[in-house]
Amino acid sequence: MLHLQARPEHLSSDKAWQVGRDEADLAVRTTLERFDIVEFFADVKEFESYEDVWAHELGDELLAEVTSGRNRRAVAFDMRARGQEFTRAAGRALVDIRDRTLTHDRGRRLRRHALNAS
């Protein structure tokens, strides 16, 4: 697993929690250095200020833009406006995990995260 952030299970729902954006940025930069990235989807809600920088740093390496058309973006994926598309992709990922064509370390945190998305 490269990086995963999720609301701690022990934190009650009335307590505020936010994604650590600087931690995620560091994980993205480390990943960009380590792997040949061809597609990258980042949720607009949490990472809007980072997405254009990440896209610029990836340069011409991306094979597909996440958002096309008038408001085209290289990595910005607005889940608020694309819920059905995300739900289908999460469902497909679940099928691939069950079929063992998409594998992970079977760690509890990643399994919980993947099942919450499906």
C-alpha atoms as a PDB file:
ATOM      1  CA  MET A   1       0.000   0.000   0.000  1.00  0.00           C
ATOM      2  CA  LEU A   2       1.375   3.377  -0.964  1.00  0.00           C
ATOM      3  CA  HIS A   3      -0.757   5.613   1.234  1.00  0.00           C
ATOM      4  CA  LEU A   4      -4.146   5.441   2.895  1.00  0.00           C
ATOM      5  CA  GLN A   5      -5.955   7.905   5.092  1.00  0.00           C
ATOM      6  CA  ALA A   6      -9.317   7.229   6.656  1.00  0.00           C
ATOM      7  CA  ARG A   7     -11.271   8.576   9.577  1.00  0.00           C
ATOM      8  CA  PRO A   8     -10.036   6.649  12.631  1.00  0.00           C
ATOM      9  CA  GLU A   9     -12.553   4.031  13.734  1.00  0.00           C
ATOM     10  CA  HIS A  10     -12.305   5.127  17.369  1.00  0.00           C
ATOM     11  CA  LEU A  11     -13.203   8.757  16.545  1.00  0.00           C
ATOM     12  CA  SER A  12     -16.857   9.487  17.263  1.00  0.00           C
ATOM     13  CA  SER A  13     -18.936  10.889  14.414  1.00  0.00           C
ATOM     14  CA  ASP A  14     -19.439  14.208  16.215  1.00  0.00           C
ATOM     15  CA  LYS A  15     -15.672  14.870  16.170  1.00  0.00           C
ATOM     16  CA  ALA A  16     -14.193  16.673  13.179  1.00  0.00           C
ATOM     17  CA  TRP A  17     -11.576  14.924  11.059  1.00  0.00           C
ATOM     18  CA  GLN A  18      -9.795  16.008   7.878  1.00  0.00           C
ATOM     19  CA  VAL A  19      -7.550  14.290   5.396  1.00  0.00           C
ATOM     20  CA  GLY A  20      -3.913  15.251   5.952  1.00  0.00           C
ATOM     21  CA  ARG A  21      -3.337  16.990   2.630  1.00  0.00           C
ATOM     22  CA  ASP A  22       0.388  17.560   3.141  1.00  0.00           C
ATOM     23  CA  GLU A  23       0.842  13.858   3.956  1.00  0.00           C
ATOM     24  CA  ALA A  24      -1.077  12.923   0.818  1.00  0.00           C
ATOM     25  CA  ASP A  25       0.989  15.353  -1.253  1.00  0.00           C
ATOM     26  CA  LEU A  26       4.195  13.754   0.018  1.00  0.00           C
ATOM     27  CA  ALA A  27       2.819  10.287  -0.811  1.00  0.00           C
ATOM     28  CA  VAL A  28       1.912  11.422  -4.339  1.00  0.00           C
ATOM     29  CA  ARG A  29       5.357  12.923  -4.922  1.00  0.00           C
ATOM     30  CA  THR A  30       7.063   9.780  -3.610  1.00  0.00           C
ATOM     31  CA  THR A  31       4.873   7.635  -5.855  1.00  0.00           C
ATOM     32  CA  LEU A  32       5.615   9.819  -8.906  1.00  0.00           C
ATOM     33  CA  GLU A  33       9.324   9.299  -8.316  1.00  0.00           C
ATOM     34  CA  ARG A  34       8.971   5.553  -7.805  1.00  0.00           C
ATOM     35  CA  PHE A  35       6.534   4.512 -10.551  1.00  0.00           C
ATOM     36  CA  ASP A  36       5.689   5.282 -14.161  1.00  0.00           C
ATOM     37  CA  ILE A  37       2.225   6.843 -13.715  1.00  0.00           C
ATOM     38  CA  VAL A  38      -0.097   6.816 -16.736  1.00  0.00           C
ATOM     39  CA  GLU A  39      -3.453   7.661 -15.087  1.00  0.00           C
ATOM     40  CA  PHE A  40      -4.160   9.569 -11.903  1.00  0.00           C
ATOM     41  CA  PHE A  41      -7.526  10.423 -10.350  1.00  0.00           C
ATOM     42  CA  ALA A  42      -7.651  12.852  -7.417  1.00  0.00           C
ATOM     43  CA  ASP A  43     -10.850  13.915  -5.674  1.00  0.00           C
ATOM     44  CA  VAL A  44     -11.453  17.624  -6.183  1.00  0.00           C
ATOM     45  CA  LYS A  45     -13.030  18.159  -2.765  1.00  0.00           C
ATOM     46  CA  GLU A  46      -9.895  17.453  -0.757  1.00  0.00           C
ATOM     47  CA  PHE A  47      -7.098  18.248  -3.201  1.00  0.00           C
ATOM     48  CA  GLU A  48      -8.208  21.086  -5.459  1.00  0.00           C
ATOM     49  CA  SER A  49      -5.157  23.218  -4.720  1.00  0.00           C
ATOM     50  CA  TYR A  50      -2.772  20.336  -5.476  1.00  0.00           C
ATOM     51  CA  GLU A  51      -4.231  18.871  -8.672  1.00  0.00           C
ATOM     52  CA  ASP A  52      -2.832  21.311 -11.199  1.00  0.00           C
ATOM     53  CA  VAL A  53       0.634  21.047  -9.630  1.00  0.00           C
ATOM     54  CA  TRP A  54       0.503  17.240  -9.760  1.00  0.00           C
ATOM     55  CA  ALA A  55      -0.679  17.337 -13.382  1.00  0.00           C
ATOM     56  CA  HIS A  56       2.105  19.742 -14.295  1.00  0.00           C
ATOM     57  CA  GLU A  57       4.718  17.544 -12.614  1.00  0.00           C
ATOM     58  CA  LEU A  58       3.448  14.483 -14.484  1.00  0.00           C
ATOM     59  CA  GLY A  59       3.897  16.395 -17.721  1.00  0.00           C
ATOM     60  CA  ASP A  60       3.142  14.361 -20.799  1.00  0.00           C
ATOM     61  CA  GLU A  61       3.279  11.022 -18.988  1.00  0.00           C
ATOM     62  CA  LEU A  62      -0.494  10.765 -18.511  1.00  0.00           C
ATOM     63  CA  LEU A  63      -2.262   8.728 -21.175  1.00  0.00           C
ATOM     64  CA  ALA A  64      -5.749  10.006 -20.340  1.00  0.00           C
ATOM     65  CA  GLU A  65      -7.281  13.117 -18.856  1.00  0.00           C
ATOM     66  CA  VAL A  66      -9.702  12.536 -16.025  1.00  0.00           C
ATOM     67  CA  THR A  67     -12.082  15.320 -17.059  1.00  0.00           C
ATOM     68  CA  SER A  68     -12.530  16.229 -20.714  1.00  0.00           C
ATOM     69  CA  GLY A  69     -14.455  18.965 -22.457  1.00  0.00           C
ATOM     70  CA  ARG A  70     -14.595  22.663 -21.637  1.00  0.00           C
ATOM     71  CA  ASN A  71     -13.329  22.220 -18.073  1.00  0.00           C
ATOM     72  CA  ARG A  72     -10.748  19.564 -18.892  1.00  0.00           C
ATOM     73  CA  ARG A  73      -8.384  18.548 -16.126  1.00  0.00           C
ATOM     74  CA  ALA A  74      -5.565  16.032 -16.077  1.00  0.00           C
ATOM     75  CA  VAL A  75      -6.116  14.572 -12.593  1.00  0.00           C
ATOM     76  CA  ALA A  76      -9.172  16.310 -11.090  1.00  0.00           C
ATOM     77  CA  PHE A  77     -12.072  13.893 -10.502  1.00  0.00           C
ATOM     78  CA  ASP A  78     -15.087  15.595  -8.919  1.00  0.00           C
ATOM     79  CA  MET A  79     -16.859  12.773  -7.095  1.00  0.00           C
ATOM     80  CA  ARG A  80     -19.726  15.094  -6.157  1.00  0.00           C
ATOM     81  CA  ALA A  81     -20.729  15.375  -9.818  1.00  0.00           C
ATOM     82  CA  ARG A  82     -19.692  11.876 -10.919  1.00  0.00           C
ATOM     83  CA  GLY A  83     -21.172   9.633  -8.245  1.00  0.00           C
ATOM     84  CA  GLN A  84     -22.599   7.021 -10.615  1.00  0.00           C
ATOM     85  CA  GLU A  85     -19.329   6.736 -12.517  1.00  0.00           C
ATOM     86  CA  PHE A  86     -17.370   6.372  -9.280  1.00  0.00           C
ATOM     87  CA  THR A  87     -19.830   3.788  -7.947  1.00  0.00           C
ATOM     88  CA  ARG A  88     -19.410   1.688 -11.111  1.00  0.00           C
ATOM     89  CA  ALA A  89     -15.609   1.942 -10.865  1.00  0.00           C
ATOM     90  CA  ALA A  90     -15.656   0.982  -7.170  1.00  0.00           C
ATOM     91  CA  GLY A  91     -17.916  -1.970  -7.968  1.00  0.00           C
ATOM     92  CA  ARG A  92     -15.555  -3.048 -10.748  1.00  0.00           C
ATOM     93  CA  ALA A  93     -12.612  -2.810  -8.359  1.00  0.00           C
ATOM     94  CA  LEU A  94     -14.482  -5.018  -5.875  1.00  0.00           C
ATOM     95  CA  VAL A  95     -15.086  -7.638  -8.597  1.00  0.00           C
ATOM     96  CA  ASP A  96     -11.405  -7.491  -9.559  1.00  0.00           C
ATOM     97  CA  ILE A  97     -10.334  -7.890  -5.930  1.00  0.00           C
ATOM     98  CA  ARG A  98     -12.646 -10.894  -5.483  1.00  0.00           C
ATOM     99  CA  ASP A  99     -11.390 -12.413  -8.768  1.00  0.00           C
ATOM    100  CA  ARG A 100      -7.821 -11.717  -7.606  1.00  0.00           C
ATOM    101  CA  THR A 101      -6.962  -9.775 -10.740  1.00  0.00           C
ATOM    102  CA  LEU A 102      -6.454  -6.682  -8.581  1.00  0.00           C
ATOM    103  CA  THR A 103      -4.531  -7.636  -5.494  1.00  0.00           C
ATOM    104  CA  HIS A 104      -3.631  -5.874  -2.280  1.00  0.00           C
ATOM    105  CA  ASP A 105      -1.860  -6.819   0.919  1.00  0.00           C
ATOM    106  CA  ARG A 106      -5.168  -7.878   2.543  1.00  0.00           C
ATOM    107  CA  GLY A 107      -4.461  -5.486   5.377  1.00  0.00           C
ATOM    108  CA  ARG A 108      -7.447  -4.580   7.510  1.00  0.00           C
ATOM    109  CA  ARG A 109      -7.285  -0.822   6.800  1.00  0.00           C
ATOM    110  CA  LEU A 110      -7.118  -1.200   3.023  1.00  0.00           C
ATOM    111  CA  ARG A 111      -9.831  -3.882   3.021  1.00  0.00           C
ATOM    112  CA  ARG A 112     -12.129  -1.583   5.049  1.00  0.00           C
ATOM    113  CA  HIS A 113     -11.375   1.336   2.732  1.00  0.00           C
ATOM    114  CA  ALA A 114     -12.111  -0.698  -0.412  1.00  0.00           C
ATOM    115  CA  LEU A 115     -15.330  -2.148   0.987  1.00  0.00           C
ATOM    116  CA  ASN A 116     -16.534   1.309   2.081  1.00  0.00           C
ATOM    117  CA  ALA A 117     -16.066   2.509  -1.499  1.00  0.00           C
ATOM    118  CA  SER A 118     -18.108  -0.308  -3.010  1.00  0.00           C
END
